[in-house]
Amino acid sequence: MNRAMKPLAYYAHSSMRQGNQIEVPIPYTIMGFDMPVFLSFEDIYEFINLQEISANCILVYMRYLEELCRINGQAEKFVFVSPSLISPVRTDTEDAGRRERADNLLSFLRDAPKERLYLVPHNRGRHWVLGVIDPWEDLVLYFDPLREKKRDDFTKLMNMALTDWKITIREGIRRRRDCKTKFSNRPCPLQEGSVECGYFILGENGLDM
């Protein structure tokens, strides 16, 4: 076990085996409203043992990164968007609520200043990927630790939200609303197993800063 994980492992085993949970406040800047996230013993155990991790672990790490941005004076540069707002709830239908999810993303983009980046972890069905949106450049950077080219839902979601965003902003960009958003697959460490994608996405979230 990584040395940094040992205090967390000790706390989980000593204080959380009886159903206790850790409550972490998630601010409206990540969720669109204030809400708490509760980490269970199972969440902690999976995380410290490099097993498949939940969206709650992703959310808590994003909460940490956002606080770090404020401390470092970078709060205006990055926005972290909860994966629960944009990831499909079901994967057995083509649309899977894509219109609602695009509207969720659009609510974050509406007043986007130039040079602000939006980091959006996306779970396409038991696999984590990361998108980094630069709306004024009409560009989406895509990080996939499996390096697969399959990103149908993600691409359609981004195109839907960014097309609507381009329609709502000033005339100089409105003329470009029919142009296709540029997608760029970015170098990302290749995962060797089947469950560690979440850790790669945590790392990419941090590296983009």
Protein backbone atom coordinates (compact mmCIF):
# COMPACT_ATOMS: atom_id res chain seq x y z
CA MET A 1 0.00 0.00 0.00
CA ASN A 2 1.17 3.50 -0.81
CA ARG A 3 2.47 5.21 2.35
CA ALA A 4 0.08 8.13 1.87
CA MET A 5 -2.85 5.70 1.99
CA LYS A 6 -1.99 4.14 5.36
CA PRO A 7 -3.58 6.79 7.61
CA LEU A 8 -6.78 6.58 5.55
CA ALA A 9 -6.73 2.78 5.76
CA TYR A 10 -6.20 2.90 9.53
CA TYR A 11 -9.09 5.32 9.98
CA ALA A 12 -11.40 3.22 7.81
CA HIS A 13 -10.64 0.01 9.70
CA SER A 14 -10.79 1.60 13.15
CA SER A 15 -13.77 3.93 12.77
CA MET A 16 -15.90 2.91 9.79
CA ARG A 17 -16.46 -0.84 10.10
CA GLN A 18 -19.75 -0.29 11.94
CA GLY A 19 -21.41 1.62 9.13
CA ASN A 20 -19.95 5.05 9.86
CA GLN A 21 -19.50 7.38 6.90
CA ILE A 22 -17.41 10.43 6.03
CA GLU A 23 -19.52 13.40 4.99
CA VAL A 24 -17.94 15.71 2.40
CA PRO A 25 -19.76 18.89 1.30
CA ILE A 26 -19.84 19.30 -2.49
CA PRO A 27 -20.39 22.94 -3.50
CA TYR A 28 -22.79 24.29 -6.11
CA THR A 29 -19.82 25.08 -8.37
CA ILE A 30 -19.44 21.34 -9.01
CA MET A 31 -23.03 20.10 -8.72
CA GLY A 32 -25.08 23.16 -9.60
CA PHE A 33 -26.36 23.10 -6.00
CA ASP A 34 -24.88 22.42 -2.57
CA MET A 35 -25.05 18.79 -1.43
CA PRO A 36 -23.11 16.37 0.75
CA VAL A 37 -21.46 13.16 -0.44
CA PHE A 38 -21.10 10.28 1.98
CA LEU A 39 -18.11 7.97 1.67
CA SER A 40 -18.66 4.50 3.09
CA PHE A 41 -16.15 1.94 4.32
CA GLU A 42 -16.58 0.16 0.99
CA ASP A 43 -15.72 3.35 -0.93
CA ILE A 44 -12.52 3.79 1.10
CA TYR A 45 -11.59 0.09 0.90
CA GLU A 46 -11.98 0.01 -2.89
CA PHE A 47 -9.96 3.20 -3.25
CA ILE A 48 -6.96 2.19 -1.10
CA ASN A 49 -6.85 -1.26 -2.72
CA LEU A 50 -6.95 0.11 -6.28
CA GLN A 51 -10.25 -1.55 -7.05
CA GLU A 52 -13.07 -0.13 -9.15
CA ILE A 53 -14.01 3.21 -7.60
CA SER A 54 -17.34 4.97 -7.37
CA ALA A 55 -18.41 8.37 -8.64
CA ASN A 56 -18.35 9.55 -5.01
CA CYS A 57 -14.56 9.12 -4.94
CA ILE A 58 -14.28 11.13 -8.16
CA LEU A 59 -16.48 13.86 -6.67
CA VAL A 60 -14.46 14.13 -3.47
CA TYR A 61 -11.21 14.42 -5.41
CA MET A 62 -12.72 17.13 -7.61
CA ARG A 63 -13.76 18.93 -4.42
CA TYR A 64 -10.13 18.78 -3.28
CA LEU A 65 -8.86 20.09 -6.63
CA GLU A 66 -11.31 22.97 -6.61
CA GLU A 67 -10.15 24.00 -3.14
CA LEU A 68 -6.55 23.74 -4.32
CA CYS A 69 -7.38 26.04 -7.25
CA ARG A 70 -8.77 28.64 -4.85
CA ILE A 71 -5.67 28.46 -2.69
CA ASN A 72 -3.41 28.86 -5.74
CA GLY A 73 -5.43 31.68 -7.27
CA GLN A 74 -6.68 29.52 -10.17
CA ALA A 75 -10.38 29.42 -9.28
CA GLU A 76 -11.31 31.40 -12.41
CA LYS A 77 -9.32 29.15 -14.72
CA PHE A 78 -10.91 25.75 -14.06
CA VAL A 79 -14.44 24.47 -13.51
CA PHE A 80 -15.06 20.90 -12.37
CA VAL A 81 -18.37 19.38 -13.48
CA SER A 82 -19.87 16.47 -11.57
CA PRO A 83 -19.92 13.23 -13.58
CA SER A 84 -23.38 12.48 -12.19
CA LEU A 85 -24.73 15.40 -14.24
CA ILE A 86 -23.44 14.21 -17.61
CA SER A 87 -22.86 10.44 -17.44
CA PRO A 88 -25.70 8.20 -18.69
CA VAL A 89 -27.75 6.55 -15.98
CA ARG A 90 -28.47 3.65 -18.32
CA THR A 91 -26.38 2.29 -21.15
CA ASP A 92 -29.05 0.11 -22.77
CA THR A 93 -30.60 2.94 -24.78
CA GLU A 94 -28.97 5.13 -27.40
CA ASP A 95 -30.08 8.46 -25.98
CA ALA A 96 -30.01 7.66 -22.22
CA GLY A 97 -31.34 11.10 -21.27
CA ARG A 98 -28.78 12.93 -23.41
CA ARG A 99 -30.91 16.07 -23.81
CA GLU A 100 -31.19 16.53 -20.05
CA ARG A 101 -27.49 15.84 -19.56
CA ALA A 102 -26.56 18.34 -22.28
CA ASP A 103 -28.72 20.95 -20.55
CA ASN A 104 -26.90 20.22 -17.28
CA LEU A 105 -23.57 20.88 -18.97
CA LEU A 106 -24.92 23.96 -20.75
CA SER A 107 -25.88 25.48 -17.39
CA PHE A 108 -22.16 25.51 -16.49
CA LEU A 109 -21.10 26.94 -19.86
CA ARG A 110 -23.61 29.79 -20.18
CA ASP A 111 -21.41 32.62 -18.89
CA ALA A 112 -18.09 31.04 -19.80
CA PRO A 113 -15.29 33.62 -19.94
CA LYS A 114 -12.47 33.15 -22.39
CA GLU A 115 -9.59 30.88 -21.36
CA ARG A 116 -11.66 29.00 -18.78
CA LEU A 117 -11.46 25.20 -19.02
CA TYR A 118 -14.20 22.78 -17.96
CA LEU A 119 -13.13 19.36 -16.68
CA VAL A 120 -15.85 16.74 -17.10
CA PRO A 121 -15.26 13.12 -16.03
CA HIS A 122 -17.63 10.85 -17.93
CA ASN A 123 -18.53 7.23 -17.23
CA ARG A 124 -19.67 5.61 -20.42
CA GLY A 125 -20.59 2.34 -18.68
CA ARG A 126 -18.07 0.98 -16.12
CA HIS A 127 -15.27 2.95 -17.74
CA TRP A 128 -14.06 6.46 -16.85
CA VAL A 129 -12.85 8.97 -19.41
CA LEU A 130 -12.18 12.70 -19.09
CA GLY A 131 -13.14 15.62 -21.29
CA VAL A 132 -11.59 19.08 -21.04
CA ILE A 133 -13.73 21.72 -22.76
CA ASP A 134 -12.46 25.03 -24.10
CA PRO A 135 -15.77 26.50 -25.33
CA TRP A 136 -14.36 29.65 -26.91
CA GLU A 137 -11.97 27.57 -29.00
CA ASP A 138 -14.80 25.11 -29.73
CA LEU A 139 -12.41 22.37 -28.64
CA VAL A 140 -12.78 19.25 -26.49
CA LEU A 141 -9.69 17.37 -25.31
CA TYR A 142 -10.37 13.68 -24.69
CA PHE A 143 -8.45 11.43 -22.30
CA ASP A 144 -9.12 7.68 -22.35
CA PRO A 145 -6.80 5.31 -20.45
CA LEU A 146 -7.93 2.48 -22.73
CA ARG A 147 -7.11 4.61 -25.81
CA GLU A 148 -10.23 3.41 -27.55
CA LYS A 149 -11.87 5.41 -30.32
CA LYS A 150 -15.41 4.62 -29.17
CA ARG A 151 -16.89 7.82 -27.72
CA ASP A 152 -20.33 8.01 -29.37
CA ASP A 153 -22.33 9.18 -26.35
CA PHE A 154 -19.61 11.57 -25.21
CA THR A 155 -19.24 13.14 -28.66
CA LYS A 156 -22.97 13.58 -29.15
CA LEU A 157 -23.32 15.04 -25.66
CA MET A 158 -20.53 17.57 -26.20
CA ASN A 159 -21.83 18.56 -29.66
CA MET A 160 -25.35 19.05 -28.32
CA ALA A 161 -24.26 21.25 -25.39
CA LEU A 162 -21.70 23.29 -27.34
CA THR A 163 -24.03 23.86 -30.31
CA ASP A 164 -26.62 25.30 -27.93
CA TRP A 165 -23.93 27.38 -26.21
CA LYS A 166 -22.74 28.87 -29.51
CA ILE A 167 -26.30 29.89 -30.37
CA THR A 168 -26.70 31.79 -27.10
CA ILE A 169 -23.54 33.90 -27.17
CA ARG A 170 -22.48 36.94 -29.10
CA GLU A 171 -22.72 37.33 -32.88
CA GLY A 172 -19.03 36.73 -33.57
CA ILE A 173 -19.38 33.17 -32.38
CA ARG A 174 -22.98 32.69 -33.47
CA ARG A 175 -21.85 32.67 -37.08
CA ARG A 176 -19.80 29.56 -36.26
CA ARG A 177 -22.64 27.59 -34.73
CA ASP A 178 -22.82 25.17 -37.65
CA CYS A 179 -19.10 24.38 -37.48
CA LYS A 180 -18.30 21.06 -35.89
CA THR A 181 -16.66 21.08 -32.49
CA LYS A 182 -13.06 19.90 -32.67
CA PHE A 183 -12.20 16.77 -30.69
CA SER A 184 -8.61 15.91 -29.87
CA ASN A 185 -7.57 12.58 -28.36
CA ARG A 186 -4.81 13.44 -25.91
CA PRO A 187 -1.93 11.26 -24.69
CA CYS A 188 -2.93 9.38 -21.58
CA PRO A 189 -1.15 6.57 -19.67
CA LEU A 190 -2.47 3.20 -20.79
CA GLN A 191 -4.19 1.15 -18.10
CA GLU A 192 -3.11 -2.46 -17.94
CA GLY A 193 -6.10 -3.90 -16.10
CA SER A 194 -9.85 -3.47 -16.25
CA VAL A 195 -10.69 -1.51 -13.08
CA GLU A 196 -8.12 1.26 -12.64
CA CYS A 197 -9.52 3.76 -15.15
CA GLY A 198 -10.88 5.94 -12.32
CA TYR A 199 -7.39 6.47 -10.90
CA PHE A 200 -6.07 7.53 -14.31
CA ILE A 201 -8.88 10.06 -14.60
CA LEU A 202 -8.09 11.40 -11.11
CA GLY A 203 -4.52 11.87 -12.26
CA GLU A 204 -5.50 13.57 -15.51
CA ASN A 205 -7.79 15.95 -13.60
CA GLY A 206 -4.82 16.99 -11.50
CA LEU A 207 -2.30 17.13 -14.35
CA ASP A 208 -4.48 19.51 -16.35
CA MET A 209 -3.88 22.04 -13.63
